[in-house]
Amino acid sequence: MLKLKRVSEMYEMRVYTDGGEYFGDVEELVLTKTKVSMWRIKATKNSFLSNVLGGAKGVLVPHNLVKSIGDIVIISRSAIPNFGGEKEEAEA
């Protein structure tokens, strides 16, 4: 059975990656005429996103990277910003 959620219920929901890391909280949804196109995730204290971004406030995540919505939101790990850190670690 398909369960529907109101957009207003999505604000401040906790967001996790499919790898289990706490990513941040939903700050805003970007809507087109009939669907959600992007999610603005804010970097909250002690989140994986705040560790990666440093001083930035958050990121926009395309809706196609959202895997599941329930009590929490689960997004694909590919939504994690890559600043070249993995490449540098592989070379070291």
N, C-alpha and C. Protein backbone atom coordinates (compact mmCIF):
# COMPACT_ATOMS: atom_id res chain seq x y z
N MET A 1 0.84 -1.18 0.00
CA MET A 1 0.00 0.00 0.00
C MET A 1 0.89 1.25 0.00
N LEU A 2 0.55 2.20 -0.81
CA LEU A 2 1.28 3.45 -0.92
C LEU A 2 0.85 4.40 0.19
N LYS A 3 1.82 4.91 0.93
CA LYS A 3 1.53 5.89 1.97
C LYS A 3 1.95 7.26 1.50
N LEU A 4 1.13 8.25 1.71
CA LEU A 4 1.43 9.61 1.31
C LEU A 4 1.83 10.44 2.52
N LYS A 5 2.72 11.40 2.30
CA LYS A 5 3.12 12.33 3.35
C LYS A 5 2.90 13.74 2.84
N ARG A 6 2.55 14.62 3.73
CA ARG A 6 2.43 16.03 3.39
C ARG A 6 3.83 16.64 3.37
N VAL A 7 4.01 17.64 2.52
CA VAL A 7 5.30 18.32 2.45
C VAL A 7 5.66 18.90 3.81
N SER A 8 4.67 19.43 4.51
CA SER A 8 4.94 20.04 5.82
C SER A 8 5.48 19.03 6.83
N GLU A 9 5.21 17.74 6.64
CA GLU A 9 5.72 16.71 7.54
C GLU A 9 7.20 16.41 7.29
N MET A 10 7.73 16.85 6.16
CA MET A 10 9.09 16.52 5.77
C MET A 10 10.14 17.42 6.43
N TYR A 11 9.75 18.64 6.79
CA TYR A 11 10.71 19.57 7.36
C TYR A 11 11.29 19.05 8.66
N GLU A 12 12.58 19.24 8.83
CA GLU A 12 13.34 18.83 10.01
C GLU A 12 13.48 17.31 10.15
N MET A 13 13.08 16.53 9.13
CA MET A 13 13.29 15.08 9.18
C MET A 13 14.79 14.80 9.11
N ARG A 14 15.21 13.78 9.81
CA ARG A 14 16.62 13.38 9.79
C ARG A 14 16.89 12.61 8.50
N VAL A 15 18.07 12.86 7.92
CA VAL A 15 18.45 12.24 6.65
C VAL A 15 19.69 11.38 6.90
N TYR A 16 19.64 10.13 6.43
CA TYR A 16 20.74 9.19 6.55
C TYR A 16 21.12 8.69 5.16
N THR A 17 22.39 8.32 4.99
CA THR A 17 22.80 7.69 3.73
C THR A 17 22.45 6.22 3.80
N ASP A 18 22.47 5.56 2.65
CA ASP A 18 22.19 4.13 2.63
C ASP A 18 23.31 3.33 3.29
N GLY A 19 24.41 4.01 3.62
CA GLY A 19 25.49 3.37 4.38
C GLY A 19 25.34 3.53 5.88
N GLY A 20 24.31 4.26 6.32
CA GLY A 20 24.02 4.41 7.74
C GLY A 20 24.55 5.66 8.40
N GLU A 21 25.22 6.56 7.64
CA GLU A 21 25.73 7.79 8.23
C GLU A 21 24.63 8.83 8.36
N TYR A 22 24.59 9.52 9.50
CA TYR A 22 23.67 10.64 9.68
C TYR A 22 24.15 11.77 8.79
N PHE A 23 23.33 12.21 7.83
CA PHE A 23 23.72 13.16 6.80
C PHE A 23 23.36 14.59 7.15
N GLY A 24 22.20 14.81 7.75
CA GLY A 24 21.72 16.15 8.09
C GLY A 24 20.22 16.14 8.27
N ASP A 25 19.59 17.31 8.19
CA ASP A 25 18.14 17.44 8.33
C ASP A 25 17.55 18.12 7.11
N VAL A 26 16.32 17.75 6.76
CA VAL A 26 15.63 18.39 5.65
C VAL A 26 15.31 19.83 6.04
N GLU A 27 15.75 20.76 5.20
CA GLU A 27 15.48 22.17 5.44
C GLU A 27 14.37 22.67 4.52
N GLU A 28 14.35 22.17 3.29
CA GLU A 28 13.40 22.68 2.31
C GLU A 28 13.26 21.68 1.17
N LEU A 29 12.10 21.71 0.50
CA LEU A 29 11.87 20.91 -0.69
C LEU A 29 11.64 21.85 -1.86
N VAL A 30 12.27 21.55 -2.99
CA VAL A 30 12.07 22.35 -4.19
C VAL A 30 11.06 21.60 -5.05
N LEU A 31 9.94 22.26 -5.34
CA LEU A 31 8.84 21.62 -6.05
C LEU A 31 8.73 22.12 -7.48
N THR A 32 8.36 21.20 -8.39
CA THR A 32 7.90 21.59 -9.71
C THR A 32 6.38 21.61 -9.62
N LYS A 33 5.70 21.62 -10.73
CA LYS A 33 4.23 21.68 -10.68
C LYS A 33 3.62 20.48 -9.98
N THR A 34 4.18 19.30 -10.19
CA THR A 34 3.54 18.10 -9.66
C THR A 34 4.41 17.20 -8.79
N LYS A 35 5.68 17.56 -8.61
CA LYS A 35 6.54 16.65 -7.83
C LYS A 35 7.70 17.40 -7.18
N VAL A 36 8.36 16.70 -6.27
CA VAL A 36 9.57 17.22 -5.62
C VAL A 36 10.73 17.01 -6.58
N SER A 37 11.51 18.05 -6.83
CA SER A 37 12.66 17.90 -7.73
C SER A 37 13.98 17.87 -6.96
N MET A 38 14.09 18.65 -5.88
CA MET A 38 15.34 18.72 -5.11
C MET A 38 15.00 18.79 -3.62
N TRP A 39 15.95 18.36 -2.81
CA TRP A 39 15.86 18.44 -1.36
C TRP A 39 17.02 19.28 -0.87
N ARG A 40 16.74 20.28 -0.05
CA ARG A 40 17.81 21.05 0.57
C ARG A 40 18.05 20.44 1.95
N ILE A 41 19.25 19.93 2.13
CA ILE A 41 19.62 19.28 3.39
C ILE A 41 20.59 20.20 4.12
N LYS A 42 20.27 20.55 5.35
CA LYS A 42 21.16 21.42 6.11
C LYS A 42 22.15 20.59 6.92
N ALA A 43 23.34 21.12 7.02
CA ALA A 43 24.41 20.48 7.77
C ALA A 43 24.20 20.81 9.24
N THR A 44 23.77 19.85 10.01
CA THR A 44 23.54 20.05 11.43
C THR A 44 24.77 19.60 12.22
N LYS A 45 24.82 20.03 13.45
CA LYS A 45 25.95 19.70 14.33
C LYS A 45 26.10 18.18 14.41
N ASN A 46 27.33 17.71 14.31
CA ASN A 46 27.70 16.30 14.41
C ASN A 46 27.20 15.44 13.24
N SER A 47 26.76 16.06 12.15
CA SER A 47 26.34 15.27 10.99
C SER A 47 27.53 15.03 10.08
N PHE A 48 27.42 14.00 9.28
CA PHE A 48 28.47 13.69 8.30
C PHE A 48 28.65 14.86 7.34
N LEU A 49 27.56 15.50 6.97
CA LEU A 49 27.60 16.62 6.04
C LEU A 49 28.37 17.80 6.61
N SER A 50 28.18 18.11 7.87
CA SER A 50 28.92 19.23 8.48
C SER A 50 30.41 18.93 8.54
N ASN A 51 30.78 17.67 8.73
CA ASN A 51 32.19 17.29 8.74
C ASN A 51 32.82 17.44 7.36
N VAL A 52 32.07 17.12 6.31
CA VAL A 52 32.58 17.19 4.94
C VAL A 52 32.62 18.63 4.44
N LEU A 53 31.57 19.41 4.74
CA LEU A 53 31.46 20.76 4.18
C LEU A 53 32.19 21.82 4.98
N GLY A 54 32.47 21.58 6.21
CA GLY A 54 33.11 22.60 7.04
C GLY A 54 32.15 23.73 7.35
N GLY A 55 32.34 24.92 6.75
CA GLY A 55 31.53 26.09 7.06
C GLY A 55 30.27 26.25 6.24
N ALA A 56 30.05 25.42 5.21
CA ALA A 56 28.86 25.55 4.37
C ALA A 56 27.61 25.14 5.15
N LYS A 57 26.48 25.66 4.74
CA LYS A 57 25.23 25.42 5.46
C LYS A 57 24.52 24.14 5.05
N GLY A 58 24.74 23.67 3.83
CA GLY A 58 24.06 22.46 3.38
C GLY A 58 24.26 22.22 1.90
N VAL A 59 23.48 21.26 1.37
CA VAL A 59 23.57 20.89 -0.04
C VAL A 59 22.18 20.67 -0.61
N LEU A 60 22.10 20.69 -1.94
CA LEU A 60 20.88 20.31 -2.64
C LEU A 60 21.07 18.88 -3.14
N VAL A 61 20.09 18.03 -2.88
CA VAL A 61 20.14 16.64 -3.29
C VAL A 61 19.01 16.41 -4.29
N PRO A 62 19.32 15.93 -5.50
CA PRO A 62 18.26 15.63 -6.47
C PRO A 62 17.34 14.53 -5.93
N HIS A 63 16.06 14.63 -6.25
CA HIS A 63 15.08 13.68 -5.73
C HIS A 63 15.38 12.25 -6.17
N ASN A 64 15.99 12.07 -7.33
CA ASN A 64 16.27 10.71 -7.78
C ASN A 64 17.30 9.99 -6.90
N LEU A 65 17.99 10.71 -6.01
CA LEU A 65 18.93 10.08 -5.08
C LEU A 65 18.28 9.73 -3.74
N VAL A 66 17.01 10.07 -3.58
CA VAL A 66 16.28 9.70 -2.37
C VAL A 66 15.76 8.28 -2.55
N LYS A 67 16.14 7.39 -1.65
CA LYS A 67 15.76 5.99 -1.77
C LYS A 67 14.49 5.64 -1.02
N SER A 68 14.29 6.26 0.16
CA SER A 68 13.15 5.90 0.98
C SER A 68 12.77 7.05 1.90
N ILE A 69 11.47 7.16 2.16
CA ILE A 69 10.95 8.18 3.07
C ILE A 69 9.99 7.49 4.03
N GLY A 70 10.22 7.68 5.30
CA GLY A 70 9.36 7.11 6.33
C GLY A 70 9.47 7.99 7.56
N ASP A 71 9.94 7.41 8.65
CA ASP A 71 10.23 8.19 9.85
C ASP A 71 11.51 9.00 9.65
N ILE A 72 12.37 8.52 8.77
CA ILE A 72 13.59 9.22 8.35
C ILE A 72 13.64 9.20 6.83
N VAL A 73 14.59 9.94 6.26
CA VAL A 73 14.81 9.93 4.82
C VAL A 73 16.13 9.22 4.57
N ILE A 74 16.15 8.30 3.62
CA ILE A 74 17.37 7.59 3.26
C ILE A 74 17.75 8.01 1.84
N ILE A 75 19.00 8.48 1.70
CA ILE A 75 19.48 8.90 0.39
C ILE A 75 20.65 8.03 -0.04
N SER A 76 20.92 8.03 -1.33
CA SER A 76 22.05 7.29 -1.88
C SER A 76 23.36 7.91 -1.41
N ARG A 77 24.33 7.07 -1.17
CA ARG A 77 25.65 7.54 -0.74
C ARG A 77 26.30 8.42 -1.82
N SER A 78 25.86 8.29 -3.05
CA SER A 78 26.44 9.10 -4.13
C SER A 78 26.04 10.57 -4.01
N ALA A 79 25.14 10.91 -3.09
CA ALA A 79 24.77 12.30 -2.86
C ALA A 79 25.82 13.04 -2.02
N ILE A 80 26.77 12.30 -1.45
CA ILE A 80 27.80 12.92 -0.62
C ILE A 80 28.74 13.71 -1.51
N PRO A 81 28.94 14.99 -1.21
CA PRO A 81 29.85 15.80 -2.02
C PRO A 81 31.26 15.22 -2.02
N ASN A 82 31.89 15.21 -3.19
CA ASN A 82 33.25 14.69 -3.32
C ASN A 82 34.17 15.85 -3.65
N PHE A 83 35.11 16.12 -2.79
CA PHE A 83 36.05 17.22 -2.98
C PHE A 83 37.44 16.71 -3.32
N GLY A 84 37.52 15.46 -3.84
CA GLY A 84 38.83 14.93 -4.22
C GLY A 84 39.54 14.22 -3.08
N GLY A 85 38.94 14.15 -1.90
CA GLY A 85 39.57 13.53 -0.74
C GLY A 85 39.84 12.06 -0.93
N GLU A 86 38.89 11.36 -1.60
CA GLU A 86 39.07 9.92 -1.82
C GLU A 86 40.24 9.66 -2.75
N LYS A 87 40.40 10.47 -3.77
CA LYS A 87 41.48 10.30 -4.72
C LYS A 87 42.82 10.53 -4.02
N GLU A 88 42.89 11.56 -3.19
CA GLU A 88 44.13 11.85 -2.47
C GLU A 88 44.47 10.74 -1.51
N GLU A 89 43.46 10.16 -0.84
CA GLU A 89 43.71 9.07 0.08
C GLU A 89 44.21 7.83 -0.66
N ALA A 90 43.68 7.58 -1.87
CA ALA A 90 44.08 6.42 -2.64
C ALA A 90 45.52 6.55 -3.11
N GLU A 91 45.96 7.80 -3.40
CA GLU A 91 47.32 8.02 -3.87
C GLU A 91 48.34 7.93 -2.73
N ALA A 92 47.90 8.19 -1.49
CA ALA A 92 48.84 8.23 -0.34
C ALA A 92 49.29 6.85 0.07
